[in-house]
Amino acid sequence: MWLAGAAEALLLARLLARLLAARPDSPAVAALYAATWPLVAPLAALDQAQRQFGATLEISTLTIAILVPAGACLLWLWAATRSARGSS
């Protein structure tokens, strides 16, 4: 579950960087965008109408940032019920 936490932290950092109009030519910001692009790419169509530069709210990043902890919670609950059935 630590992997979901790390992904969530990176996604929130990306969301904040886009909200604050971080310069994409900065090496740190470019690395952040490159690391999170595989997570955001499936929903990139949600952001087609937005401008590419300046302060924007990426709907795709926000959606994935909501889905990652929800998916991790469901996975954790599934694993807990599966282990509870196995011990009985």
C-alpha atoms as a PDB file:
ATOM      1  CA  MET A   1       0.000   0.000   0.000  1.00  0.00           C
ATOM      2  CA  TRP A   2       3.015   2.287   0.277  1.00  0.00           C
ATOM      3  CA  LEU A   3       3.132   2.338  -3.521  1.00  0.00           C
ATOM      4  CA  ALA A   4      -0.331   3.913  -3.622  1.00  0.00           C
ATOM      5  CA  GLY A   5       0.826   6.513  -1.101  1.00  0.00           C
ATOM      6  CA  ALA A   6       3.887   7.353  -3.175  1.00  0.00           C
ATOM      7  CA  ALA A   7       1.779   7.629  -6.337  1.00  0.00           C
ATOM      8  CA  GLU A   8      -0.706   9.854  -4.523  1.00  0.00           C
ATOM      9  CA  ALA A   9       2.066  12.157  -3.282  1.00  0.00           C
ATOM     10  CA  LEU A  10       3.467  12.489  -6.802  1.00  0.00           C
ATOM     11  CA  LEU A  11       0.023  13.159  -8.253  1.00  0.00           C
ATOM     12  CA  LEU A  12      -0.720  15.845  -5.678  1.00  0.00           C
ATOM     13  CA  ALA A  13       2.675  17.439  -6.351  1.00  0.00           C
ATOM     14  CA  ARG A  14       1.838  17.460 -10.082  1.00  0.00           C
ATOM     15  CA  LEU A  15      -1.574  18.972  -9.389  1.00  0.00           C
ATOM     16  CA  LEU A  16      -0.036  21.696  -7.246  1.00  0.00           C
ATOM     17  CA  ALA A  17       2.692  22.393  -9.804  1.00  0.00           C
ATOM     18  CA  ARG A  18       0.088  22.856 -12.551  1.00  0.00           C
ATOM     19  CA  LEU A  19      -2.077  25.036 -10.305  1.00  0.00           C
ATOM     20  CA  LEU A  20       0.877  27.280  -9.497  1.00  0.00           C
ATOM     21  CA  ALA A  21       2.063  27.385 -13.143  1.00  0.00           C
ATOM     22  CA  ALA A  22       5.426  25.760 -12.489  1.00  0.00           C
ATOM     23  CA  ARG A  23       7.876  26.136 -15.357  1.00  0.00           C
ATOM     24  CA  PRO A  24       7.963  22.847 -17.312  1.00  0.00           C
ATOM     25  CA  ASP A  25      11.536  23.541 -18.440  1.00  0.00           C
ATOM     26  CA  SER A  26      12.746  23.214 -14.836  1.00  0.00           C
ATOM     27  CA  PRO A  27      14.497  19.835 -14.394  1.00  0.00           C
ATOM     28  CA  ALA A  28      12.612  18.992 -11.191  1.00  0.00           C
ATOM     29  CA  VAL A  29       9.218  19.833 -12.674  1.00  0.00           C
ATOM     30  CA  ALA A  30      10.043  18.013 -15.916  1.00  0.00           C
ATOM     31  CA  ALA A  31      11.014  14.919 -13.901  1.00  0.00           C
ATOM     32  CA  LEU A  32       7.766  15.152 -11.919  1.00  0.00           C
ATOM     33  CA  TYR A  33       5.698  15.417 -15.099  1.00  0.00           C
ATOM     34  CA  ALA A  34       7.583  12.517 -16.695  1.00  0.00           C
ATOM     35  CA  ALA A  35       7.142  10.312 -13.602  1.00  0.00           C
ATOM     36  CA  THR A  36       3.406  10.958 -13.343  1.00  0.00           C
ATOM     37  CA  TRP A  37       2.544  10.929 -17.048  1.00  0.00           C
ATOM     38  CA  PRO A  38       1.894   7.138 -17.174  1.00  0.00           C
ATOM     39  CA  LEU A  39      -0.730   7.545 -14.449  1.00  0.00           C
ATOM     40  CA  VAL A  40      -2.420  10.560 -16.037  1.00  0.00           C
ATOM     41  CA  ALA A  41      -2.182   9.519 -19.702  1.00  0.00           C
ATOM     42  CA  PRO A  42      -5.343   7.319 -19.810  1.00  0.00           C
ATOM     43  CA  LEU A  43      -7.502  10.330 -18.884  1.00  0.00           C
ATOM     44  CA  ALA A  44      -5.556  13.014 -20.770  1.00  0.00           C
ATOM     45  CA  ALA A  45      -8.532  13.560 -23.081  1.00  0.00           C
ATOM     46  CA  LEU A  46     -10.282  15.314 -20.181  1.00  0.00           C
ATOM     47  CA  ASP A  47      -7.743  18.152 -20.433  1.00  0.00           C
ATOM     48  CA  GLN A  48      -7.737  18.730 -24.203  1.00  0.00           C
ATOM     49  CA  ALA A  49      -9.790  21.926 -24.002  1.00  0.00           C
ATOM     50  CA  GLN A  50      -7.427  23.501 -21.457  1.00  0.00           C
ATOM     51  CA  ARG A  51      -4.440  25.634 -22.325  1.00  0.00           C
ATOM     52  CA  GLN A  52      -1.061  23.959 -22.134  1.00  0.00           C
ATOM     53  CA  PHE A  53       0.793  26.701 -20.255  1.00  0.00           C
ATOM     54  CA  GLY A  54      -0.053  28.804 -17.242  1.00  0.00           C
ATOM     55  CA  ALA A  55      -2.060  27.939 -14.169  1.00  0.00           C
ATOM     56  CA  THR A  56      -4.571  25.186 -14.918  1.00  0.00           C
ATOM     57  CA  LEU A  57      -6.512  22.608 -12.992  1.00  0.00           C
ATOM     58  CA  GLU A  58      -5.827  19.258 -14.615  1.00  0.00           C
ATOM     59  CA  ILE A  59      -9.044  17.290 -14.381  1.00  0.00           C
ATOM     60  CA  SER A  60      -7.235  14.077 -15.324  1.00  0.00           C
ATOM     61  CA  THR A  61      -4.761  14.436 -12.459  1.00  0.00           C
ATOM     62  CA  LEU A  62      -7.518  15.291 -10.004  1.00  0.00           C
ATOM     63  CA  THR A  63      -9.549  12.269 -11.094  1.00  0.00           C
ATOM     64  CA  ILE A  64      -6.610   9.881 -10.785  1.00  0.00           C
ATOM     65  CA  ALA A  65      -5.694  11.435  -7.421  1.00  0.00           C
ATOM     66  CA  ILE A  66      -9.173  10.481  -6.207  1.00  0.00           C
ATOM     67  CA  LEU A  67      -9.178   7.010  -7.775  1.00  0.00           C
ATOM     68  CA  VAL A  68      -5.757   5.878  -6.475  1.00  0.00           C
ATOM     69  CA  PRO A  69      -6.626   5.977  -2.741  1.00  0.00           C
ATOM     70  CA  ALA A  70     -10.109   4.589  -3.433  1.00  0.00           C
ATOM     71  CA  GLY A  71      -8.590   1.680  -5.364  1.00  0.00           C
ATOM     72  CA  ALA A  72      -5.973   1.092  -2.672  1.00  0.00           C
ATOM     73  CA  CYS A  73      -8.696   1.041  -0.017  1.00  0.00           C
ATOM     74  CA  LEU A  74     -10.758  -1.466  -1.990  1.00  0.00           C
ATOM     75  CA  LEU A  75      -7.690  -3.642  -2.537  1.00  0.00           C
ATOM     76  CA  TRP A  76      -6.869  -3.494   1.168  1.00  0.00           C
ATOM     77  CA  LEU A  77     -10.432  -4.467   2.118  1.00  0.00           C
ATOM     78  CA  TRP A  78     -10.431  -7.309  -0.395  1.00  0.00           C
ATOM     79  CA  ALA A  79      -7.129  -8.622   0.961  1.00  0.00           C
ATOM     80  CA  ALA A  80      -8.400  -8.352   4.546  1.00  0.00           C
ATOM     81  CA  THR A  81     -11.570 -10.304   3.845  1.00  0.00           C
ATOM     82  CA  ARG A  82      -9.633 -12.882   1.851  1.00  0.00           C
ATOM     83  CA  SER A  83      -7.158 -13.447   4.693  1.00  0.00           C
ATOM     84  CA  ALA A  84     -10.020 -13.578   7.229  1.00  0.00           C
ATOM     85  CA  ARG A  85     -11.721 -16.318   5.191  1.00  0.00           C
ATOM     86  CA  GLY A  86      -8.485 -18.258   4.949  1.00  0.00           C
ATOM     87  CA  SER A  87      -7.873 -18.221   8.708  1.00  0.00           C
ATOM     88  CA  SER A  88     -11.352 -19.466   9.620  1.00  0.00           C
END
